[in-house]
Amino acid sequence: MADKCTSHFSFNRRNPGHWDVCTSARRVFALRGGPGRYIVRDEREDRHTIPFEAKTIGACFQYIMEELTYELIIAEGQDFTVIEGWNV
């Protein structure tokens, strides 16, 4: 039996240089700009990041996908280091 999809997102183009990335509940990223200078704002509630800047929409999409699909997986028997949360 396949798992039910519980988390998804969509890329929505409003007009040239104006994209929104949304979940079913809200906008999570806003991409704004024009050729040679695009800015991505991370609008997730638990994030306080500096806006990402790139020359192309493709690079911005790659950054957004990295953020949305990142999974930290530690294999059994693998060594890992834990640091304090304030240090991140």
N, C-alpha and C. Protein backbone atom coordinates (compact mmCIF):
# COMPACT_ATOMS: atom_id res chain seq x y z
N MET A 1 0.84 -1.18 0.00
CA MET A 1 0.00 0.00 0.00
C MET A 1 0.89 1.25 0.00
N ALA A 2 0.63 2.17 -0.89
CA ALA A 2 1.44 3.39 -1.00
C ALA A 2 1.08 4.37 0.11
N ASP A 3 2.11 5.12 0.57
CA ASP A 3 1.86 6.14 1.58
C ASP A 3 1.08 7.29 0.98
N LYS A 4 0.19 7.85 1.78
CA LYS A 4 -0.58 9.01 1.34
C LYS A 4 0.34 10.23 1.34
N CYS A 5 0.29 11.03 0.30
CA CYS A 5 1.10 12.24 0.21
C CYS A 5 0.52 13.28 1.17
N THR A 6 1.31 13.68 2.15
CA THR A 6 0.82 14.62 3.14
C THR A 6 1.48 15.99 3.04
N SER A 7 2.51 16.11 2.23
CA SER A 7 3.20 17.38 2.10
C SER A 7 3.52 17.62 0.62
N HIS A 8 3.10 18.75 0.12
CA HIS A 8 3.40 19.08 -1.27
C HIS A 8 3.57 20.60 -1.40
N PHE A 9 4.12 21.02 -2.53
CA PHE A 9 4.29 22.44 -2.80
C PHE A 9 4.13 22.67 -4.29
N SER A 10 3.87 23.92 -4.66
CA SER A 10 3.70 24.25 -6.06
C SER A 10 4.42 25.56 -6.38
N PHE A 11 4.88 25.68 -7.63
CA PHE A 11 5.51 26.89 -8.13
C PHE A 11 4.46 27.63 -8.96
N ASN A 12 4.17 28.85 -8.59
CA ASN A 12 3.13 29.63 -9.26
C ASN A 12 3.73 30.91 -9.83
N ARG A 13 3.58 31.09 -11.13
CA ARG A 13 4.12 32.30 -11.80
C ARG A 13 3.00 33.32 -11.92
N ARG A 14 3.16 34.45 -11.27
CA ARG A 14 2.17 35.53 -11.37
C ARG A 14 2.39 36.35 -12.64
N ASN A 15 3.64 36.75 -12.86
CA ASN A 15 4.05 37.49 -14.06
C ASN A 15 5.57 37.39 -14.17
N PRO A 16 6.17 37.94 -15.22
CA PRO A 16 7.62 37.80 -15.36
C PRO A 16 8.38 38.29 -14.12
N GLY A 17 9.28 37.45 -13.61
CA GLY A 17 10.08 37.80 -12.46
C GLY A 17 9.35 37.76 -11.13
N HIS A 18 8.18 37.17 -11.10
CA HIS A 18 7.36 37.15 -9.88
C HIS A 18 6.78 35.75 -9.70
N TRP A 19 7.43 34.95 -8.86
CA TRP A 19 7.01 33.57 -8.59
C TRP A 19 6.73 33.40 -7.11
N ASP A 20 5.75 32.56 -6.79
CA ASP A 20 5.46 32.17 -5.41
C ASP A 20 5.54 30.66 -5.32
N VAL A 21 6.14 30.17 -4.24
CA VAL A 21 6.17 28.74 -3.97
C VAL A 21 5.30 28.53 -2.74
N CYS A 22 4.26 27.70 -2.91
CA CYS A 22 3.24 27.55 -1.87
C CYS A 22 3.06 26.09 -1.47
N THR A 23 2.68 25.92 -0.20
CA THR A 23 2.18 24.63 0.27
C THR A 23 0.66 24.74 0.20
N SER A 24 -0.02 23.73 0.67
CA SER A 24 -1.48 23.81 0.66
C SER A 24 -1.99 24.89 1.61
N ALA A 25 -1.17 25.29 2.59
CA ALA A 25 -1.61 26.25 3.59
C ALA A 25 -1.19 27.69 3.31
N ARG A 26 0.01 27.89 2.74
CA ARG A 26 0.50 29.26 2.62
C ARG A 26 1.71 29.34 1.69
N ARG A 27 2.12 30.60 1.39
CA ARG A 27 3.34 30.82 0.61
C ARG A 27 4.54 30.58 1.51
N VAL A 28 5.54 29.83 1.00
CA VAL A 28 6.75 29.54 1.77
C VAL A 28 8.00 30.21 1.20
N PHE A 29 7.99 30.52 -0.09
CA PHE A 29 9.08 31.25 -0.72
C PHE A 29 8.50 32.25 -1.71
N ALA A 30 9.14 33.41 -1.82
CA ALA A 30 8.78 34.41 -2.82
C ALA A 30 10.03 34.69 -3.65
N LEU A 31 9.91 34.60 -4.96
CA LEU A 31 11.02 34.87 -5.88
C LEU A 31 10.67 36.14 -6.65
N ARG A 32 11.56 37.13 -6.58
CA ARG A 32 11.31 38.40 -7.25
C ARG A 32 12.57 38.85 -7.97
N GLY A 33 12.41 39.60 -9.06
CA GLY A 33 13.57 40.16 -9.75
C GLY A 33 13.43 40.17 -11.24
N GLY A 34 14.57 40.28 -11.90
CA GLY A 34 14.62 40.32 -13.35
C GLY A 34 15.94 39.74 -13.82
N PRO A 35 16.14 39.67 -15.13
CA PRO A 35 17.34 39.06 -15.68
C PRO A 35 18.62 39.58 -15.02
N GLY A 36 19.41 38.64 -14.51
CA GLY A 36 20.67 38.98 -13.88
C GLY A 36 20.62 39.19 -12.38
N ARG A 37 19.42 39.38 -11.81
CA ARG A 37 19.33 39.58 -10.37
C ARG A 37 17.95 39.16 -9.86
N TYR A 38 17.91 37.97 -9.27
CA TYR A 38 16.69 37.45 -8.66
C TYR A 38 16.94 37.24 -7.17
N ILE A 39 15.94 37.48 -6.36
CA ILE A 39 16.04 37.32 -4.92
C ILE A 39 14.95 36.37 -4.44
N VAL A 40 15.34 35.42 -3.57
CA VAL A 40 14.40 34.47 -2.97
C VAL A 40 14.28 34.80 -1.49
N ARG A 41 13.04 35.05 -1.06
CA ARG A 41 12.76 35.24 0.36
C ARG A 41 12.16 33.96 0.92
N ASP A 42 12.73 33.47 2.00
CA ASP A 42 12.21 32.30 2.70
C ASP A 42 11.17 32.80 3.69
N GLU A 43 9.90 32.46 3.47
CA GLU A 43 8.82 32.96 4.31
C GLU A 43 8.25 31.91 5.26
N ARG A 44 9.00 30.81 5.45
CA ARG A 44 8.57 29.82 6.42
C ARG A 44 8.69 30.42 7.82
N GLU A 45 7.74 30.10 8.68
CA GLU A 45 7.67 30.70 10.01
C GLU A 45 8.89 30.42 10.87
N ASP A 46 9.47 29.25 10.75
CA ASP A 46 10.58 28.87 11.61
C ASP A 46 11.95 29.23 11.04
N ARG A 47 11.99 30.02 9.98
CA ARG A 47 13.26 30.36 9.34
C ARG A 47 13.52 31.85 9.43
N HIS A 48 14.76 32.20 9.72
CA HIS A 48 15.19 33.60 9.74
C HIS A 48 16.47 33.66 8.94
N THR A 49 16.34 33.61 7.63
CA THR A 49 17.51 33.55 6.77
C THR A 49 17.67 34.83 5.96
N ILE A 50 18.88 35.07 5.53
CA ILE A 50 19.16 36.18 4.62
C ILE A 50 18.64 35.79 3.25
N PRO A 51 17.99 36.70 2.53
CA PRO A 51 17.50 36.36 1.19
C PRO A 51 18.61 35.83 0.29
N PHE A 52 18.27 34.82 -0.51
CA PHE A 52 19.20 34.21 -1.46
C PHE A 52 19.14 35.01 -2.75
N GLU A 53 20.29 35.30 -3.34
CA GLU A 53 20.35 36.06 -4.58
C GLU A 53 21.08 35.26 -5.66
N ALA A 54 20.55 35.28 -6.90
CA ALA A 54 21.16 34.56 -8.01
C ALA A 54 20.90 35.30 -9.32
N LYS A 55 21.63 34.88 -10.37
CA LYS A 55 21.48 35.51 -11.68
C LYS A 55 20.32 34.95 -12.49
N THR A 56 19.90 33.71 -12.20
CA THR A 56 18.85 33.07 -13.01
C THR A 56 17.74 32.50 -12.14
N ILE A 57 16.58 32.35 -12.75
CA ILE A 57 15.44 31.72 -12.08
C ILE A 57 15.78 30.26 -11.79
N GLY A 58 16.47 29.59 -12.69
CA GLY A 58 16.84 28.19 -12.48
C GLY A 58 17.66 27.99 -11.22
N ALA A 59 18.62 28.89 -10.98
CA ALA A 59 19.43 28.79 -9.76
C ALA A 59 18.58 29.01 -8.53
N CYS A 60 17.62 29.91 -8.62
CA CYS A 60 16.69 30.16 -7.50
C CYS A 60 15.84 28.93 -7.24
N PHE A 61 15.33 28.31 -8.31
CA PHE A 61 14.52 27.10 -8.15
C PHE A 61 15.35 25.98 -7.50
N GLN A 62 16.61 25.86 -7.91
CA GLN A 62 17.48 24.84 -7.34
C GLN A 62 17.65 25.07 -5.85
N TYR A 63 17.86 26.31 -5.44
CA TYR A 63 17.99 26.65 -4.02
C TYR A 63 16.72 26.29 -3.25
N ILE A 64 15.57 26.64 -3.81
CA ILE A 64 14.29 26.35 -3.16
C ILE A 64 14.09 24.85 -3.02
N MET A 65 14.37 24.10 -4.08
CA MET A 65 14.22 22.64 -4.03
C MET A 65 15.15 22.02 -3.00
N GLU A 66 16.38 22.52 -2.90
CA GLU A 66 17.31 22.03 -1.88
C GLU A 66 16.72 22.25 -0.49
N GLU A 67 16.14 23.41 -0.26
CA GLU A 67 15.55 23.71 1.04
C GLU A 67 14.34 22.83 1.35
N LEU A 68 13.50 22.60 0.35
CA LEU A 68 12.25 21.87 0.58
C LEU A 68 12.42 20.35 0.61
N THR A 69 13.49 19.85 0.00
CA THR A 69 13.63 18.39 -0.08
C THR A 69 14.80 17.85 0.75
N TYR A 70 15.42 18.69 1.54
CA TYR A 70 16.56 18.26 2.36
C TYR A 70 16.09 17.25 3.41
N GLU A 71 16.81 16.14 3.52
CA GLU A 71 16.53 15.13 4.53
C GLU A 71 17.85 14.77 5.21
N LEU A 72 17.86 14.86 6.52
CA LEU A 72 19.02 14.43 7.28
C LEU A 72 18.77 12.99 7.69
N ILE A 73 19.52 12.09 7.10
CA ILE A 73 19.36 10.66 7.38
C ILE A 73 20.70 10.12 7.87
N ILE A 74 20.67 9.48 9.01
CA ILE A 74 21.86 8.87 9.58
C ILE A 74 21.65 7.36 9.58
N ALA A 75 22.56 6.65 8.93
CA ALA A 75 22.45 5.20 8.83
C ALA A 75 22.87 4.54 10.13
N GLU A 76 22.28 3.40 10.40
CA GLU A 76 22.63 2.62 11.58
C GLU A 76 24.13 2.35 11.60
N GLY A 77 24.77 2.62 12.74
CA GLY A 77 26.20 2.39 12.88
C GLY A 77 27.06 3.55 12.40
N GLN A 78 26.46 4.57 11.80
CA GLN A 78 27.21 5.71 11.30
C GLN A 78 27.52 6.67 12.45
N ASP A 79 28.73 7.20 12.49
CA ASP A 79 29.10 8.18 13.51
C ASP A 79 28.47 9.53 13.17
N PHE A 80 28.08 10.30 14.19
CA PHE A 80 27.56 11.62 13.98
C PHE A 80 27.92 12.50 15.17
N THR A 81 27.85 13.80 14.98
CA THR A 81 28.16 14.76 16.03
C THR A 81 26.95 15.62 16.28
N VAL A 82 26.62 15.81 17.55
CA VAL A 82 25.50 16.67 17.94
C VAL A 82 26.09 17.96 18.52
N ILE A 83 25.58 19.11 18.05
CA ILE A 83 26.02 20.39 18.60
C ILE A 83 24.83 21.11 19.22
N GLU A 84 25.10 22.10 20.04
CA GLU A 84 24.04 22.87 20.68
C GLU A 84 23.26 23.66 19.64
N GLY A 85 21.94 23.80 19.86
CA GLY A 85 21.10 24.51 18.91
C GLY A 85 21.48 25.97 18.71
N TRP A 86 21.99 26.62 19.75
CA TRP A 86 22.37 28.03 19.63
C TRP A 86 23.55 28.23 18.69
N ASN A 87 24.26 27.15 18.40
CA ASN A 87 25.46 27.23 17.59
C ASN A 87 25.16 27.14 16.10
N VAL A 88 23.93 26.96 15.73
CA VAL A 88 23.56 26.79 14.33
C VAL A 88 23.14 28.13 13.75
